């Protein structure tokens, strides 16, 4: 398949310009943050379907569509030959950028990768002149909710049966026009969107 990669719409050197100063080393591998590419699709699909329940995980075709959708941006965390994690963002109305999903490989969790992905996403949103970041999280996923709250997100709307009619969710928001970037120093856990439980952070 050919076409324009999502990452090509990012300004050259833009959000990654200062990454040389950021050192995250996991399992003796330095984690490098870069634009997501079509070659990442199989690994993203595999990770997402291991982390999330069937009613919550995205299918392979959807990940392929993400790559070629000009309103969607993907940031990948690369550790050696491994895709350690990734963040998918979408621009929306009213100067809002939405976190579609953030996934971190379980063996790479608790090393600040999720926090760094969120910080880069917020940097991208600022470069695109967005005013806010928006995401959804399972209402029963306490660790993820606390993770987002530490990054400055707050709950805006309760969504009954949001996850496949099975589980409730919260919408969370961060006003980034004046807020600080998500900072280094946490971790961990399962983060946003669909299924309770496994990890994102």
C-alpha atoms as a PDB file:
ATOM      1  CA  UNK A   1       0.000   0.000   0.000  1.00  0.00           C
ATOM      2  CA  UNK A   2       1.287   3.478  -0.795  1.00  0.00           C
ATOM      3  CA  UNK A   3       0.275   6.888   0.346  1.00  0.00           C
ATOM      4  CA  UNK A   4       1.157   9.743   2.594  1.00  0.00           C
ATOM      5  CA  UNK A   5       2.234   8.672   6.042  1.00  0.00           C
ATOM      6  CA  UNK A   6       0.619  10.326   9.027  1.00  0.00           C
ATOM      7  CA  UNK A   7       3.929  11.514  10.347  1.00  0.00           C
ATOM      8  CA  UNK A   8       4.759  13.402   7.146  1.00  0.00           C
ATOM      9  CA  UNK A   9       2.422  16.190   8.209  1.00  0.00           C
ATOM     10  CA  UNK A  10       4.556  16.854  11.281  1.00  0.00           C
ATOM     11  CA  UNK A  11       6.981  19.731  10.978  1.00  0.00           C
ATOM     12  CA  UNK A  12      10.522  18.414  10.353  1.00  0.00           C
ATOM     13  CA  UNK A  13      12.412  18.289  13.607  1.00  0.00           C
ATOM     14  CA  UNK A  14       9.397  19.809  15.325  1.00  0.00           C
ATOM     15  CA  UNK A  15       8.224  17.883  18.344  1.00  0.00           C
ATOM     16  CA  UNK A  16      11.314  15.667  18.331  1.00  0.00           C
ATOM     17  CA  UNK A  17      13.845  18.515  18.190  1.00  0.00           C
ATOM     18  CA  UNK A  18      14.867  18.208  21.848  1.00  0.00           C
ATOM     19  CA  UNK A  19      14.717  14.460  22.156  1.00  0.00           C
ATOM     20  CA  UNK A  20      18.497  14.191  22.280  1.00  0.00           C
ATOM     21  CA  UNK A  21      18.341  15.551  25.814  1.00  0.00           C
ATOM     22  CA  UNK A  22      15.861  12.898  26.940  1.00  0.00           C
ATOM     23  CA  UNK A  23      17.288   9.556  28.028  1.00  0.00           C
ATOM     24  CA  UNK A  24      15.009   6.640  28.789  1.00  0.00           C
ATOM     25  CA  UNK A  25      16.839   3.314  28.881  1.00  0.00           C
ATOM     26  CA  UNK A  26      14.916   0.073  29.317  1.00  0.00           C
ATOM     27  CA  UNK A  27      16.402  -3.421  29.129  1.00  0.00           C
ATOM     28  CA  UNK A  28      19.732  -1.849  28.056  1.00  0.00           C
ATOM     29  CA  UNK A  29      18.058  -0.202  25.055  1.00  0.00           C
ATOM     30  CA  UNK A  30      17.711   3.528  24.621  1.00  0.00           C
ATOM     31  CA  UNK A  31      14.117   4.469  23.828  1.00  0.00           C
ATOM     32  CA  UNK A  32      13.849   6.727  20.794  1.00  0.00           C
ATOM     33  CA  UNK A  33      10.689   8.681  20.008  1.00  0.00           C
ATOM     34  CA  UNK A  34       9.792   9.168  16.358  1.00  0.00           C
ATOM     35  CA  UNK A  35       6.957   9.484  13.879  1.00  0.00           C
ATOM     36  CA  UNK A  36       4.789   6.417  13.462  1.00  0.00           C
ATOM     37  CA  UNK A  37       5.093   4.729  10.077  1.00  0.00           C
ATOM     38  CA  UNK A  38       3.288   2.137   7.995  1.00  0.00           C
ATOM     39  CA  UNK A  39       5.857  -0.501   8.992  1.00  0.00           C
ATOM     40  CA  UNK A  40       4.645  -0.097  12.591  1.00  0.00           C
ATOM     41  CA  UNK A  41       1.088  -1.218  11.786  1.00  0.00           C
ATOM     42  CA  UNK A  42       1.504  -4.945  12.563  1.00  0.00           C
ATOM     43  CA  UNK A  43       3.224  -4.227  15.887  1.00  0.00           C
ATOM     44  CA  UNK A  44       0.658  -1.579  16.865  1.00  0.00           C
ATOM     45  CA  UNK A  45      -2.206  -3.917  16.025  1.00  0.00           C
ATOM     46  CA  UNK A  46      -0.621  -6.783  17.965  1.00  0.00           C
ATOM     47  CA  UNK A  47       0.072  -4.662  21.049  1.00  0.00           C
ATOM     48  CA  UNK A  48      -3.372  -3.067  21.072  1.00  0.00           C
ATOM     49  CA  UNK A  49      -5.104  -6.429  20.848  1.00  0.00           C
ATOM     50  CA  UNK A  50      -3.016  -7.812  23.695  1.00  0.00           C
ATOM     51  CA  UNK A  51      -3.754  -4.848  25.934  1.00  0.00           C
ATOM     52  CA  UNK A  52      -7.471  -4.435  25.324  1.00  0.00           C
ATOM     53  CA  UNK A  53     -10.607  -6.503  25.301  1.00  0.00           C
ATOM     54  CA  UNK A  54     -12.072  -7.450  21.887  1.00  0.00           C
ATOM     55  CA  UNK A  55     -14.829  -4.853  22.196  1.00  0.00           C
ATOM     56  CA  UNK A  56     -12.203  -2.191  22.828  1.00  0.00           C
ATOM     57  CA  UNK A  57      -9.236  -3.060  20.607  1.00  0.00           C
ATOM     58  CA  UNK A  58      -8.815  -1.637  17.111  1.00  0.00           C
ATOM     59  CA  UNK A  59      -8.648  -3.918  14.091  1.00  0.00           C
ATOM     60  CA  UNK A  60      -5.829  -4.049  11.552  1.00  0.00           C
ATOM     61  CA  UNK A  61      -7.708  -2.070   8.924  1.00  0.00           C
ATOM     62  CA  UNK A  62      -8.293   0.773  11.373  1.00  0.00           C
ATOM     63  CA  UNK A  63      -4.581   1.057  12.116  1.00  0.00           C
ATOM     64  CA  UNK A  64      -3.888   1.157   8.385  1.00  0.00           C
ATOM     65  CA  UNK A  65      -6.423   3.962   8.041  1.00  0.00           C
ATOM     66  CA  UNK A  66      -4.803   5.852  10.903  1.00  0.00           C
ATOM     67  CA  UNK A  67      -1.513   5.967   9.004  1.00  0.00           C
ATOM     68  CA  UNK A  68      -2.991   7.585   5.918  1.00  0.00           C
ATOM     69  CA  UNK A  69      -5.483   9.918   7.596  1.00  0.00           C
ATOM     70  CA  UNK A  70      -4.041  13.463   7.451  1.00  0.00           C
ATOM     71  CA  UNK A  71      -5.880  14.508  10.631  1.00  0.00           C
ATOM     72  CA  UNK A  72      -4.278  11.711  12.685  1.00  0.00           C
ATOM     73  CA  UNK A  73      -0.760  11.745  14.128  1.00  0.00           C
ATOM     74  CA  UNK A  74       1.147   8.779  15.519  1.00  0.00           C
ATOM     75  CA  UNK A  75       4.166   8.986  17.823  1.00  0.00           C
ATOM     76  CA  UNK A  76       6.136   5.775  18.315  1.00  0.00           C
ATOM     77  CA  UNK A  77       8.555   4.768  21.078  1.00  0.00           C
ATOM     78  CA  UNK A  78      11.284   2.563  19.633  1.00  0.00           C
ATOM     79  CA  UNK A  79      13.611   0.487  21.860  1.00  0.00           C
ATOM     80  CA  UNK A  80      16.140  -1.394  19.780  1.00  0.00           C
ATOM     81  CA  UNK A  81      14.094  -3.577  17.444  1.00  0.00           C
ATOM     82  CA  UNK A  82      11.003  -3.349  19.648  1.00  0.00           C
ATOM     83  CA  UNK A  83       8.032  -1.023  19.413  1.00  0.00           C
ATOM     84  CA  UNK A  84       7.846  -0.136  23.114  1.00  0.00           C
ATOM     85  CA  UNK A  85       4.698   1.947  22.773  1.00  0.00           C
ATOM     86  CA  UNK A  86       2.789   4.459  20.687  1.00  0.00           C
ATOM     87  CA  UNK A  87       0.342   7.343  20.886  1.00  0.00           C
ATOM     88  CA  UNK A  88      -2.400   8.076  18.348  1.00  0.00           C
ATOM     89  CA  UNK A  89      -3.829  11.601  18.197  1.00  0.00           C
ATOM     90  CA  UNK A  90      -6.568  13.209  16.157  1.00  0.00           C
ATOM     91  CA  UNK A  91      -7.296  16.871  15.522  1.00  0.00           C
ATOM     92  CA  UNK A  92     -10.896  17.893  16.010  1.00  0.00           C
ATOM     93  CA  UNK A  93     -13.201  20.840  16.187  1.00  0.00           C
ATOM     94  CA  UNK A  94     -12.880  23.766  18.529  1.00  0.00           C
ATOM     95  CA  UNK A  95      -9.068  23.562  18.580  1.00  0.00           C
ATOM     96  CA  UNK A  96      -9.114  20.228  20.394  1.00  0.00           C
ATOM     97  CA  UNK A  97      -6.736  17.295  19.950  1.00  0.00           C
ATOM     98  CA  UNK A  98      -8.032  13.895  21.037  1.00  0.00           C
ATOM     99  CA  UNK A  99      -5.964  11.001  22.340  1.00  0.00           C
ATOM    100  CA  UNK A 100      -7.347   8.039  20.406  1.00  0.00           C
ATOM    101  CA  UNK A 101      -5.124   5.558  22.178  1.00  0.00           C
ATOM    102  CA  UNK A 102      -1.845   5.291  24.039  1.00  0.00           C
ATOM    103  CA  UNK A 103      -0.358   1.799  24.324  1.00  0.00           C
ATOM    104  CA  UNK A 104       2.819   0.719  26.112  1.00  0.00           C
ATOM    105  CA  UNK A 105       4.251  -2.790  25.937  1.00  0.00           C
ATOM    106  CA  UNK A 106       3.925  -4.370  29.418  1.00  0.00           C
ATOM    107  CA  UNK A 107       7.644  -5.157  29.679  1.00  0.00           C
ATOM    108  CA  UNK A 108       8.396  -1.462  29.050  1.00  0.00           C
ATOM    109  CA  UNK A 109       5.906  -0.002  31.522  1.00  0.00           C
ATOM    110  CA  UNK A 110       6.915   1.914  34.660  1.00  0.00           C
ATOM    111  CA  UNK A 111       9.820   3.647  32.909  1.00  0.00           C
ATOM    112  CA  UNK A 112       8.169   6.945  31.952  1.00  0.00           C
ATOM    113  CA  UNK A 113       7.434   6.047  28.334  1.00  0.00           C
ATOM    114  CA  UNK A 114       3.718   6.815  28.600  1.00  0.00           C
ATOM    115  CA  UNK A 115       4.443  10.152  30.255  1.00  0.00           C
ATOM    116  CA  UNK A 116       6.898  11.057  27.529  1.00  0.00           C
ATOM    117  CA  UNK A 117       4.461  10.102  24.786  1.00  0.00           C
ATOM    118  CA  UNK A 118       1.828  12.329  26.364  1.00  0.00           C
ATOM    119  CA  UNK A 119       4.307  15.218  26.624  1.00  0.00           C
ATOM    120  CA  UNK A 120       5.153  14.901  22.934  1.00  0.00           C
ATOM    121  CA  UNK A 121       1.456  14.757  22.085  1.00  0.00           C
ATOM    122  CA  UNK A 122       0.864  17.970  23.994  1.00  0.00           C
ATOM    123  CA  UNK A 123       3.821  19.575  22.221  1.00  0.00           C
ATOM    124  CA  UNK A 124       2.295  18.583  18.891  1.00  0.00           C
ATOM    125  CA  UNK A 125      -1.053  20.061  19.967  1.00  0.00           C
ATOM    126  CA  UNK A 126       0.611  23.361  20.848  1.00  0.00           C
ATOM    127  CA  UNK A 127       2.405  23.454  17.496  1.00  0.00           C
ATOM    128  CA  UNK A 128      -0.977  22.919  15.818  1.00  0.00           C
ATOM    129  CA  UNK A 129      -2.419  25.811  17.889  1.00  0.00           C
ATOM    130  CA  UNK A 130      -4.804  23.533  19.768  1.00  0.00           C
ATOM    131  CA  UNK A 131      -6.340  24.801  23.005  1.00  0.00           C
ATOM    132  CA  UNK A 132      -7.111  21.491  24.721  1.00  0.00           C
ATOM    133  CA  UNK A 133      -6.374  17.768  24.859  1.00  0.00           C
ATOM    134  CA  UNK A 134      -9.276  15.335  25.240  1.00  0.00           C
ATOM    135  CA  UNK A 135      -9.392  11.615  26.051  1.00  0.00           C
ATOM    136  CA  UNK A 136     -11.664   8.859  27.354  1.00  0.00           C
ATOM    137  CA  UNK A 137     -10.862   6.398  30.117  1.00  0.00           C
ATOM    138  CA  UNK A 138     -12.720   3.471  31.673  1.00  0.00           C
ATOM    139  CA  UNK A 139     -14.498   4.622  34.826  1.00  0.00           C
ATOM    140  CA  UNK A 140     -13.169   1.623  36.744  1.00  0.00           C
ATOM    141  CA  UNK A 141      -9.568   2.190  35.686  1.00  0.00           C
ATOM    142  CA  UNK A 142      -8.371   4.030  38.775  1.00  0.00           C
ATOM    143  CA  UNK A 143      -4.633   3.871  37.972  1.00  0.00           C
ATOM    144  CA  UNK A 144      -5.201   5.401  34.536  1.00  0.00           C
ATOM    145  CA  UNK A 145      -7.427   8.155  35.935  1.00  0.00           C
ATOM    146  CA  UNK A 146      -4.775   9.025  38.548  1.00  0.00           C
ATOM    147  CA  UNK A 147      -2.086   8.978  35.851  1.00  0.00           C
ATOM    148  CA  UNK A 148      -4.000  11.533  33.800  1.00  0.00           C
ATOM    149  CA  UNK A 149      -4.831  13.658  36.810  1.00  0.00           C
ATOM    150  CA  UNK A 150      -1.121  13.873  37.651  1.00  0.00           C
ATOM    151  CA  UNK A 151      -0.586  15.184  34.127  1.00  0.00           C
ATOM    152  CA  UNK A 152      -3.198  17.913  34.639  1.00  0.00           C
ATOM    153  CA  UNK A 153      -6.305  16.296  33.119  1.00  0.00           C
ATOM    154  CA  UNK A 154      -9.687  16.628  34.797  1.00  0.00           C
ATOM    155  CA  UNK A 155     -12.980  14.790  34.404  1.00  0.00           C
ATOM    156  CA  UNK A 156     -15.577  16.553  32.281  1.00  0.00           C
ATOM    157  CA  UNK A 157     -18.289  13.996  31.450  1.00  0.00           C
ATOM    158  CA  UNK A 158     -19.476  10.611  32.659  1.00  0.00           C
ATOM    159  CA  UNK A 159     -20.371   8.261  29.773  1.00  0.00           C
ATOM    160  CA  UNK A 160     -22.693   5.393  30.649  1.00  0.00           C
ATOM    161  CA  UNK A 161     -21.897   2.177  28.750  1.00  0.00           C
ATOM    162  CA  UNK A 162     -19.258   3.929  26.653  1.00  0.00           C
ATOM    163  CA  UNK A 163     -17.152   0.808  26.152  1.00  0.00           C
ATOM    164  CA  UNK A 164     -19.204  -1.528  23.988  1.00  0.00           C
ATOM    165  CA  UNK A 165     -22.218  -1.047  26.246  1.00  0.00           C
ATOM    166  CA  UNK A 166     -20.303  -3.067  28.837  1.00  0.00           C
ATOM    167  CA  UNK A 167     -18.383  -0.494  30.848  1.00  0.00           C
ATOM    168  CA  UNK A 168     -18.792   3.151  31.749  1.00  0.00           C
ATOM    169  CA  UNK A 169     -16.221   5.797  30.899  1.00  0.00           C
ATOM    170  CA  UNK A 170     -15.040   9.250  31.791  1.00  0.00           C
ATOM    171  CA  UNK A 171     -14.128  11.985  29.367  1.00  0.00           C
ATOM    172  CA  UNK A 172     -11.076  13.916  30.591  1.00  0.00           C
ATOM    173  CA  UNK A 173      -9.636  17.193  29.375  1.00  0.00           C
ATOM    174  CA  UNK A 174      -6.517  19.309  29.732  1.00  0.00           C
ATOM    175  CA  UNK A 175      -6.435  22.979  28.770  1.00  0.00           C
ATOM    176  CA  UNK A 176      -3.004  23.201  27.207  1.00  0.00           C
ATOM    177  CA  UNK A 177      -2.910  26.828  26.104  1.00  0.00           C
ATOM    178  CA  UNK A 178      -1.613  27.829  29.533  1.00  0.00           C
ATOM    179  CA  UNK A 179      -0.820  24.468  31.155  1.00  0.00           C
ATOM    180  CA  UNK A 180       2.627  22.956  31.538  1.00  0.00           C
ATOM    181  CA  UNK A 181       3.584  19.999  29.395  1.00  0.00           C
ATOM    182  CA  UNK A 182       3.160  16.537  30.839  1.00  0.00           C
ATOM    183  CA  UNK A 183       6.341  16.109  32.794  1.00  0.00           C
ATOM    184  CA  UNK A 184       8.817  13.352  33.199  1.00  0.00           C
ATOM    185  CA  UNK A 185       8.354  11.333  36.296  1.00  0.00           C
ATOM    186  CA  UNK A 186       5.629   8.968  36.291  1.00  0.00           C
ATOM    187  CA  UNK A 187       4.957   5.967  34.815  1.00  0.00           C
ATOM    188  CA  UNK A 188       2.954   3.491  34.750  1.00  0.00           C
ATOM    189  CA  UNK A 189      -0.216   2.233  33.870  1.00  0.00           C
ATOM    190  CA  UNK A 190      -3.073   1.584  31.709  1.00  0.00           C
ATOM    191  CA  UNK A 191      -4.166   4.762  30.242  1.00  0.00           C
ATOM    192  CA  UNK A 192      -6.934   5.886  28.134  1.00  0.00           C
ATOM    193  CA  UNK A 193      -9.617   4.868  25.986  1.00  0.00           C
ATOM    194  CA  UNK A 194     -11.351   1.602  26.009  1.00  0.00           C
ATOM    195  CA  UNK A 195     -10.708  -1.337  28.162  1.00  0.00           C
ATOM    196  CA  UNK A 196      -9.962  -1.475  31.855  1.00  0.00           C
ATOM    197  CA  UNK A 197      -6.858  -2.921  32.890  1.00  0.00           C
ATOM    198  CA  UNK A 198      -3.726  -3.545  31.044  1.00  0.00           C
ATOM    199  CA  UNK A 199      -1.109  -1.079  30.494  1.00  0.00           C
ATOM    200  CA  UNK A 200      -0.488   2.044  28.850  1.00  0.00           C
ATOM    201  CA  UNK A 201       2.019   3.980  30.741  1.00  0.00           C
END
